[in-house]
N, C-alpha and C. Protein backbone atom coordinates (compact mmCIF):
# COMPACT_ATOMS: atom_id res chain seq x y z
N MET A 1 0.81 -1.20 0.00
CA MET A 1 0.00 0.00 0.00
C MET A 1 0.85 1.26 0.00
N GLU A 2 2.11 1.13 0.32
CA GLU A 2 2.94 2.32 0.45
C GLU A 2 3.57 2.76 -0.87
N GLU A 3 3.91 1.83 -1.76
CA GLU A 3 4.62 2.18 -2.99
C GLU A 3 3.62 2.46 -4.10
N THR A 4 3.52 3.72 -4.54
CA THR A 4 2.50 4.08 -5.50
C THR A 4 3.07 4.72 -6.77
N GLY A 5 4.29 5.14 -6.76
CA GLY A 5 4.88 5.75 -7.94
C GLY A 5 4.32 7.14 -8.21
N ASP A 6 4.57 7.61 -9.41
CA ASP A 6 4.19 8.97 -9.78
C ASP A 6 2.71 9.15 -10.05
N LEU A 7 1.98 8.07 -10.31
CA LEU A 7 0.56 8.19 -10.64
C LEU A 7 -0.22 8.83 -9.49
N LEU A 8 0.06 8.44 -8.27
CA LEU A 8 -0.63 9.04 -7.12
C LEU A 8 -0.33 10.53 -7.06
N ASP A 9 0.92 10.90 -7.23
CA ASP A 9 1.30 12.32 -7.23
C ASP A 9 0.54 13.09 -8.31
N CYS A 10 0.52 12.53 -9.50
CA CYS A 10 -0.15 13.20 -10.63
C CYS A 10 -1.64 13.37 -10.39
N LEU A 11 -2.28 12.34 -9.85
CA LEU A 11 -3.72 12.43 -9.63
C LEU A 11 -4.06 13.38 -8.49
N CYS A 12 -3.26 13.40 -7.43
CA CYS A 12 -3.47 14.37 -6.35
C CYS A 12 -3.28 15.79 -6.88
N HIS A 13 -2.24 15.98 -7.65
CA HIS A 13 -1.98 17.28 -8.27
C HIS A 13 -3.19 17.71 -9.11
N ALA A 14 -3.70 16.79 -9.94
CA ALA A 14 -4.82 17.10 -10.81
C ALA A 14 -6.06 17.50 -10.01
N ILE A 15 -6.33 16.77 -8.94
CA ILE A 15 -7.50 17.09 -8.10
C ILE A 15 -7.34 18.47 -7.48
N ILE A 16 -6.20 18.74 -6.92
CA ILE A 16 -5.98 20.02 -6.24
C ILE A 16 -6.09 21.18 -7.23
N TYR A 17 -5.61 21.01 -8.45
CA TYR A 17 -5.60 22.08 -9.44
C TYR A 17 -6.95 22.31 -10.12
N GLN A 18 -7.90 21.38 -9.98
CA GLN A 18 -9.18 21.52 -10.65
C GLN A 18 -9.88 22.83 -10.27
N GLN A 19 -10.31 23.55 -11.30
CA GLN A 19 -11.13 24.76 -11.18
C GLN A 19 -10.50 25.87 -10.35
N LEU A 20 -9.19 25.94 -10.33
CA LEU A 20 -8.48 27.01 -9.64
C LEU A 20 -7.52 27.69 -10.60
N SER A 21 -7.19 28.94 -10.31
CA SER A 21 -6.15 29.60 -11.08
C SER A 21 -4.83 28.89 -10.79
N GLY A 22 -3.92 28.98 -11.72
CA GLY A 22 -2.63 28.31 -11.55
C GLY A 22 -1.89 28.74 -10.30
N LYS A 23 -1.91 30.03 -10.01
CA LYS A 23 -1.17 30.56 -8.86
C LYS A 23 -1.77 30.06 -7.54
N ALA A 24 -3.09 30.11 -7.42
CA ALA A 24 -3.75 29.64 -6.20
C ALA A 24 -3.54 28.13 -6.03
N ALA A 25 -3.72 27.39 -7.12
CA ALA A 25 -3.55 25.94 -7.06
C ALA A 25 -2.12 25.57 -6.68
N ALA A 26 -1.15 26.29 -7.23
CA ALA A 26 0.26 26.00 -6.92
C ALA A 26 0.54 26.23 -5.44
N ALA A 27 -0.02 27.28 -4.88
CA ALA A 27 0.19 27.57 -3.46
C ALA A 27 -0.44 26.48 -2.59
N ILE A 28 -1.64 26.08 -2.92
CA ILE A 28 -2.32 25.03 -2.14
C ILE A 28 -1.58 23.70 -2.28
N HIS A 29 -1.18 23.37 -3.50
CA HIS A 29 -0.45 22.12 -3.73
C HIS A 29 0.87 22.11 -2.95
N HIS A 30 1.56 23.23 -2.96
CA HIS A 30 2.82 23.34 -2.20
C HIS A 30 2.58 23.10 -0.71
N ARG A 31 1.53 23.71 -0.16
CA ARG A 31 1.23 23.52 1.27
C ARG A 31 0.81 22.07 1.55
N PHE A 32 0.10 21.45 0.61
CA PHE A 32 -0.28 20.05 0.74
C PHE A 32 0.98 19.18 0.83
N LEU A 33 1.92 19.40 -0.06
CA LEU A 33 3.16 18.62 -0.06
C LEU A 33 3.96 18.82 1.22
N GLN A 34 3.91 20.01 1.79
CA GLN A 34 4.65 20.29 3.03
C GLN A 34 4.09 19.54 4.23
N LEU A 35 2.88 19.01 4.12
CA LEU A 35 2.31 18.22 5.22
C LEU A 35 3.07 16.91 5.43
N TYR A 36 3.77 16.46 4.39
CA TYR A 36 4.42 15.16 4.42
C TYR A 36 5.93 15.35 4.27
N THR A 37 6.69 14.43 4.81
CA THR A 37 8.14 14.55 4.84
C THR A 37 8.73 14.59 3.43
N ASP A 38 9.06 13.47 2.87
CA ASP A 38 9.66 13.44 1.53
C ASP A 38 8.61 13.23 0.45
N SER A 39 7.69 12.36 0.72
CA SER A 39 6.60 12.08 -0.21
C SER A 39 5.42 11.61 0.64
N PHE A 40 4.34 11.31 0.00
CA PHE A 40 3.17 10.86 0.75
C PHE A 40 2.70 9.52 0.21
N THR A 41 2.00 8.81 1.06
CA THR A 41 1.48 7.49 0.71
C THR A 41 -0.04 7.52 0.79
N LEU A 42 -0.64 6.43 0.37
CA LEU A 42 -2.09 6.28 0.48
C LEU A 42 -2.51 6.41 1.94
N SER A 43 -1.76 5.77 2.82
CA SER A 43 -2.06 5.83 4.26
C SER A 43 -1.97 7.26 4.79
N ASP A 44 -0.97 8.00 4.32
CA ASP A 44 -0.82 9.38 4.76
C ASP A 44 -2.07 10.19 4.42
N ILE A 45 -2.54 10.05 3.19
CA ILE A 45 -3.73 10.80 2.78
C ILE A 45 -4.93 10.40 3.63
N LEU A 46 -5.13 9.10 3.78
CA LEU A 46 -6.28 8.62 4.55
C LEU A 46 -6.22 9.04 6.01
N ASN A 47 -5.02 9.11 6.57
CA ASN A 47 -4.86 9.41 7.99
C ASN A 47 -4.70 10.90 8.30
N THR A 48 -4.62 11.73 7.28
CA THR A 48 -4.53 13.17 7.52
C THR A 48 -5.93 13.68 7.84
N PRO A 49 -6.11 14.26 9.01
CA PRO A 49 -7.45 14.77 9.36
C PRO A 49 -7.93 15.81 8.36
N ASP A 50 -9.23 15.79 8.10
CA ASP A 50 -9.81 16.73 7.16
C ASP A 50 -9.50 18.18 7.53
N ASP A 51 -9.52 18.50 8.82
CA ASP A 51 -9.27 19.89 9.22
C ASP A 51 -7.84 20.31 8.89
N VAL A 52 -6.90 19.37 8.89
CA VAL A 52 -5.52 19.69 8.50
C VAL A 52 -5.48 19.99 7.00
N LEU A 53 -6.15 19.18 6.21
CA LEU A 53 -6.20 19.43 4.77
C LEU A 53 -6.93 20.74 4.47
N ARG A 54 -7.97 21.04 5.21
CA ARG A 54 -8.68 22.32 5.04
C ARG A 54 -7.74 23.48 5.37
N SER A 55 -6.88 23.30 6.37
CA SER A 55 -6.00 24.38 6.81
C SER A 55 -4.97 24.78 5.74
N VAL A 56 -4.71 23.89 4.78
CA VAL A 56 -3.78 24.24 3.70
C VAL A 56 -4.52 24.74 2.46
N GLY A 57 -5.84 24.85 2.56
CA GLY A 57 -6.63 25.44 1.49
C GLY A 57 -7.38 24.49 0.60
N ILE A 58 -7.41 23.22 0.93
CA ILE A 58 -8.12 22.25 0.11
C ILE A 58 -9.60 22.26 0.52
N SER A 59 -10.47 22.37 -0.47
CA SER A 59 -11.90 22.42 -0.21
C SER A 59 -12.43 21.06 0.29
N ARG A 60 -13.57 21.10 0.93
CA ARG A 60 -14.17 19.85 1.42
C ARG A 60 -14.40 18.83 0.30
N PRO A 61 -14.99 19.26 -0.84
CA PRO A 61 -15.15 18.26 -1.92
C PRO A 61 -13.83 17.65 -2.38
N LYS A 62 -12.80 18.47 -2.49
CA LYS A 62 -11.50 17.95 -2.94
C LYS A 62 -10.87 17.04 -1.89
N ILE A 63 -11.11 17.30 -0.63
CA ILE A 63 -10.64 16.39 0.43
C ILE A 63 -11.29 15.02 0.23
N SER A 64 -12.59 15.02 -0.03
CA SER A 64 -13.26 13.73 -0.24
C SER A 64 -12.71 13.05 -1.49
N TYR A 65 -12.41 13.81 -2.54
CA TYR A 65 -11.85 13.21 -3.76
C TYR A 65 -10.47 12.61 -3.49
N LEU A 66 -9.64 13.32 -2.73
CA LEU A 66 -8.32 12.79 -2.39
C LEU A 66 -8.44 11.50 -1.58
N LYS A 67 -9.39 11.46 -0.68
CA LYS A 67 -9.56 10.26 0.14
C LYS A 67 -10.17 9.11 -0.66
N TYR A 68 -11.11 9.42 -1.58
CA TYR A 68 -11.61 8.38 -2.49
C TYR A 68 -10.47 7.82 -3.33
N LEU A 69 -9.61 8.71 -3.80
CA LEU A 69 -8.45 8.27 -4.58
C LEU A 69 -7.59 7.33 -3.76
N ALA A 70 -7.28 7.70 -2.54
CA ALA A 70 -6.43 6.86 -1.69
C ALA A 70 -7.08 5.51 -1.41
N GLN A 71 -8.39 5.51 -1.25
CA GLN A 71 -9.09 4.24 -0.97
C GLN A 71 -9.14 3.34 -2.19
N GLY A 72 -9.28 3.92 -3.38
CA GLY A 72 -9.45 3.11 -4.58
C GLY A 72 -8.21 2.95 -5.42
N PHE A 73 -7.11 3.55 -5.00
CA PHE A 73 -5.90 3.58 -5.83
C PHE A 73 -5.38 2.19 -6.16
N GLU A 74 -5.42 1.30 -5.23
CA GLU A 74 -4.86 -0.04 -5.47
C GLU A 74 -5.64 -0.82 -6.51
N GLU A 75 -6.87 -0.37 -6.81
CA GLU A 75 -7.67 -1.04 -7.84
C GLU A 75 -7.30 -0.56 -9.24
N LEU A 76 -6.54 0.51 -9.32
CA LEU A 76 -6.14 1.05 -10.61
C LEU A 76 -5.00 0.23 -11.20
N PRO A 77 -4.90 0.24 -12.53
CA PRO A 77 -3.75 -0.42 -13.15
C PRO A 77 -2.46 0.29 -12.73
N SER A 78 -1.37 -0.42 -12.79
CA SER A 78 -0.08 0.19 -12.47
C SER A 78 0.29 1.18 -13.55
N LEU A 79 1.25 2.03 -13.23
CA LEU A 79 1.73 3.01 -14.20
C LEU A 79 2.29 2.29 -15.44
N ASP A 80 2.99 1.19 -15.23
CA ASP A 80 3.51 0.41 -16.35
C ASP A 80 2.38 -0.14 -17.22
N ASP A 81 1.32 -0.64 -16.57
CA ASP A 81 0.17 -1.17 -17.31
C ASP A 81 -0.52 -0.07 -18.11
N LEU A 82 -0.64 1.12 -17.51
CA LEU A 82 -1.30 2.22 -18.20
C LEU A 82 -0.54 2.62 -19.46
N GLN A 83 0.76 2.44 -19.46
CA GLN A 83 1.56 2.81 -20.63
C GLN A 83 1.35 1.86 -21.80
N THR A 84 0.71 0.72 -21.55
CA THR A 84 0.51 -0.26 -22.62
C THR A 84 -0.91 -0.24 -23.19
N ILE A 85 -1.78 0.61 -22.66
CA ILE A 85 -3.16 0.64 -23.15
C ILE A 85 -3.47 1.99 -23.81
N ASP A 86 -4.52 1.99 -24.62
CA ASP A 86 -4.87 3.19 -25.36
C ASP A 86 -5.51 4.24 -24.43
N ASP A 87 -5.52 5.48 -24.91
CA ASP A 87 -5.99 6.61 -24.10
C ASP A 87 -7.43 6.43 -23.63
N GLU A 88 -8.29 5.93 -24.50
CA GLU A 88 -9.71 5.76 -24.13
C GLU A 88 -9.84 4.77 -22.97
N SER A 89 -9.05 3.72 -22.98
CA SER A 89 -9.08 2.74 -21.88
C SER A 89 -8.54 3.35 -20.59
N ILE A 90 -7.53 4.20 -20.72
CA ILE A 90 -6.99 4.88 -19.54
C ILE A 90 -8.06 5.78 -18.93
N ILE A 91 -8.76 6.51 -19.78
CA ILE A 91 -9.84 7.39 -19.29
C ILE A 91 -10.88 6.57 -18.55
N LYS A 92 -11.27 5.44 -19.11
CA LYS A 92 -12.27 4.58 -18.45
C LYS A 92 -11.75 4.05 -17.11
N CYS A 93 -10.48 3.68 -17.06
CA CYS A 93 -9.89 3.15 -15.82
C CYS A 93 -9.86 4.20 -14.71
N LEU A 94 -9.43 5.40 -15.05
CA LEU A 94 -9.21 6.42 -14.02
C LEU A 94 -10.48 7.15 -13.60
N THR A 95 -11.46 7.21 -14.49
CA THR A 95 -12.67 7.94 -14.15
C THR A 95 -13.64 7.15 -13.29
N ILE A 96 -13.25 5.96 -12.89
CA ILE A 96 -14.10 5.21 -11.95
C ILE A 96 -14.05 5.85 -10.56
N LEU A 97 -13.03 6.67 -10.32
CA LEU A 97 -12.88 7.31 -9.02
C LEU A 97 -13.59 8.66 -9.01
N LYS A 98 -14.35 8.90 -7.97
CA LYS A 98 -15.04 10.16 -7.80
C LYS A 98 -14.00 11.29 -7.74
N GLY A 99 -14.25 12.34 -8.51
CA GLY A 99 -13.33 13.47 -8.53
C GLY A 99 -12.34 13.42 -9.68
N ILE A 100 -12.28 12.31 -10.39
CA ILE A 100 -11.41 12.19 -11.56
C ILE A 100 -12.33 12.04 -12.77
N GLY A 101 -12.42 13.10 -13.55
CA GLY A 101 -13.27 13.09 -14.74
C GLY A 101 -12.46 12.95 -16.00
N GLY A 102 -13.17 12.86 -17.10
CA GLY A 102 -12.52 12.70 -18.39
C GLY A 102 -11.57 13.83 -18.72
N TRP A 103 -11.98 15.08 -18.43
CA TRP A 103 -11.12 16.22 -18.71
C TRP A 103 -9.81 16.11 -17.92
N THR A 104 -9.91 15.72 -16.65
CA THR A 104 -8.73 15.59 -15.80
C THR A 104 -7.77 14.56 -16.38
N VAL A 105 -8.30 13.42 -16.79
CA VAL A 105 -7.44 12.38 -17.35
C VAL A 105 -6.83 12.84 -18.67
N GLN A 106 -7.60 13.53 -19.49
CA GLN A 106 -7.04 14.03 -20.75
C GLN A 106 -5.90 15.00 -20.51
N MET A 107 -6.01 15.82 -19.46
CA MET A 107 -4.92 16.74 -19.13
C MET A 107 -3.68 15.96 -18.67
N LEU A 108 -3.90 14.88 -17.93
CA LEU A 108 -2.77 14.04 -17.51
C LEU A 108 -2.11 13.38 -18.72
N LEU A 109 -2.92 12.95 -19.66
CA LEU A 109 -2.37 12.29 -20.84
C LEU A 109 -1.57 13.25 -21.71
N ARG A 110 -1.94 14.53 -21.69
CA ARG A 110 -1.21 15.53 -22.47
C ARG A 110 0.14 15.86 -21.83
N GLY A 111 0.25 15.63 -20.54
CA GLY A 111 1.51 15.90 -19.85
C GLY A 111 1.68 17.37 -19.56
N PRO A 112 2.83 17.75 -18.99
CA PRO A 112 3.07 19.15 -18.63
C PRO A 112 3.13 20.03 -19.88
N LYS A 113 2.70 21.27 -19.71
CA LYS A 113 2.74 22.23 -20.82
C LYS A 113 4.20 22.55 -21.15
N GLN A 114 4.44 22.68 -22.42
CA GLN A 114 5.76 23.06 -22.90
C GLN A 114 5.92 24.57 -22.80
N LYS A 115 7.07 25.03 -22.40
CA LYS A 115 7.33 26.48 -22.29
C LYS A 115 7.91 26.99 -23.59
């Protein structure tokens, strides 16, 4: 349950950034990351009290999405498996989790914006 790779990071990032300006989302995401030592695990997310997550600026709905993600993450294909399937299948796999919609997955599939 502890080893999750970059997919957990990417999905948490995507949830936190939803419907926020880049600057506000970056500040909240930075404060979220500061809650944990080097990285965070599924257990860390589940065991972080909601009021602590609220204190770094995460909304109640997004807290529930992060916790749904942590609860259902192990049911998702591995990052290696996702690299072997088509985009439409990836969208279907990831959108089973509340808070992860098609648009969010499409943004993940596009990767970081080029400067």
